[in-house]
Amino acid sequence: MIRIYLDTCCYNRPFDDKSQVTIQLESNAKLFIQKEISNESYQLVWSFILDYENKFNPHKEQQKNIQRWENKAVFYCKPSEEIAEKATEIEAHGIHKNDAIHILVQ
């Protein structure tokens, strides 16, 4: 079975203005993935960095909708020293720390 991890931008994409074709396509892709997760065709991975970033979402209804996906996750990635150290290494190459953490979630 496919195990899938989505970063915060993916969860927010269906709420974005769909006047651009790329946003429409990305939204449709995310909605398809959501359906596959709900159908248990894909296994969802959730992480502490998703919790952290989502709590700063200024749109409270979106925040609640996104947070509900945590309940569908089959795996939760907790913070660790190893992730923090590797994220710092990746950050040295110009990648934002939170994005580096998303890269490291397994």
Protein backbone atom coordinates (compact mmCIF):
# COMPACT_ATOMS: atom_id res chain seq x y z
CA MET A 1 0.00 0.00 0.00
CA ILE A 2 1.14 3.53 -0.73
CA ARG A 3 2.08 5.61 2.30
CA ILE A 4 1.76 9.32 1.57
CA TYR A 5 2.86 12.49 3.33
CA LEU A 6 1.55 15.92 2.35
CA ASP A 7 3.01 19.21 3.49
CA THR A 8 0.95 22.11 4.78
CA CYS A 9 0.68 23.75 1.35
CA CYS A 10 -1.03 20.63 -0.01
CA TYR A 11 -3.67 20.73 2.70
CA ASN A 12 -4.33 24.41 2.02
CA ARG A 13 -4.42 24.18 -1.79
CA PRO A 14 -8.12 23.26 -2.16
CA PHE A 15 -9.00 26.47 -0.28
CA ASP A 16 -7.01 28.70 -2.67
CA ASP A 17 -8.42 30.85 -5.48
CA LYS A 18 -8.83 28.55 -8.46
CA SER A 19 -8.71 31.24 -11.14
CA GLN A 20 -5.32 29.89 -12.28
CA VAL A 21 -5.22 26.55 -14.08
CA THR A 22 -2.26 25.26 -12.06
CA ILE A 23 -4.12 25.89 -8.81
CA GLN A 24 -7.18 24.09 -10.20
CA LEU A 25 -5.07 21.09 -11.19
CA GLU A 26 -3.21 20.98 -7.87
CA SER A 27 -6.51 21.26 -5.97
CA ASN A 28 -8.01 18.41 -7.98
CA ALA A 29 -4.93 16.28 -7.34
CA LYS A 30 -5.17 16.94 -3.60
CA LEU A 31 -8.88 16.12 -3.57
CA PHE A 32 -8.15 12.86 -5.43
CA ILE A 33 -5.49 11.96 -2.86
CA GLN A 34 -7.94 12.76 -0.04
CA LYS A 35 -10.47 10.41 -1.61
CA GLU A 36 -7.89 7.64 -1.87
CA ILE A 37 -6.93 8.13 1.78
CA SER A 38 -10.58 7.99 2.80
CA ASN A 39 -11.02 4.82 0.71
CA GLU A 40 -7.93 3.40 2.46
CA SER A 41 -6.08 3.01 -0.83
CA TYR A 42 -3.31 5.24 0.56
CA GLN A 43 -1.98 5.40 4.10
CA LEU A 44 -1.58 8.92 5.46
CA VAL A 45 1.46 10.06 7.44
CA TRP A 46 1.11 13.05 9.77
CA SER A 47 3.81 14.98 11.60
CA PHE A 48 4.49 17.42 14.38
CA ILE A 49 5.47 20.10 11.85
CA LEU A 50 2.00 19.90 10.29
CA ASP A 51 0.48 20.49 13.73
CA TYR A 52 2.85 23.38 14.32
CA GLU A 53 2.26 25.11 10.97
CA ASN A 54 -1.48 24.55 10.99
CA LYS A 55 -1.93 26.23 14.36
CA PHE A 56 -0.82 29.47 12.68
CA ASN A 57 -3.42 29.19 9.91
CA PRO A 58 -5.37 32.47 10.16
CA HIS A 59 -8.50 30.83 8.71
CA LYS A 60 -9.93 28.94 11.68
CA GLU A 61 -12.41 26.86 9.66
CA GLN A 62 -9.64 25.74 7.28
CA GLN A 63 -7.43 25.02 10.29
CA LYS A 64 -10.10 22.71 11.74
CA ASN A 65 -10.67 20.96 8.40
CA ILE A 66 -6.95 20.36 7.94
CA GLN A 67 -6.44 19.14 11.51
CA ARG A 68 -9.16 16.49 11.03
CA TRP A 69 -6.86 14.69 8.61
CA GLU A 70 -4.59 13.78 11.51
CA ASN A 71 -7.28 11.32 12.64
CA LYS A 72 -6.93 9.46 9.34
CA ALA A 73 -3.17 9.08 9.67
CA VAL A 74 -1.74 5.61 10.23
CA PHE A 75 1.62 6.99 11.27
CA TYR A 76 2.64 10.08 13.27
CA CYS A 77 6.18 11.44 13.02
CA LYS A 78 7.32 12.90 16.34
CA PRO A 79 10.14 15.42 16.73
CA SER A 80 13.59 14.00 17.32
CA GLU A 81 17.17 15.16 17.67
CA GLU A 82 18.02 13.36 14.43
CA ILE A 83 15.38 15.31 12.49
CA ALA A 84 16.50 18.59 14.08
CA GLU A 85 20.16 17.94 13.20
CA LYS A 86 19.46 16.89 9.62
CA ALA A 87 17.06 19.83 9.13
CA THR A 88 19.82 22.20 10.22
CA GLU A 89 22.15 20.63 7.64
CA ILE A 90 19.55 21.01 4.89
CA GLU A 91 18.80 24.57 5.99
CA ALA A 92 22.46 25.43 5.38
CA HIS A 93 21.74 24.82 1.66
CA GLY A 94 19.07 27.51 1.55
CA ILE A 95 15.98 25.45 2.41
CA HIS A 96 13.66 26.90 5.05
CA LYS A 97 13.84 24.91 8.31
CA ASN A 98 10.17 23.84 8.27
CA ASP A 99 10.49 22.68 4.66
CA ALA A 100 13.59 20.72 5.61
CA ILE A 101 11.61 19.02 8.36
CA HIS A 102 8.86 18.09 5.88
CA ILE A 103 11.53 16.50 3.68
CA LEU A 104 12.71 14.36 6.59
CA VAL A 105 9.34 13.03 7.74
CA GLN A 106 9.16 9.31 7.14
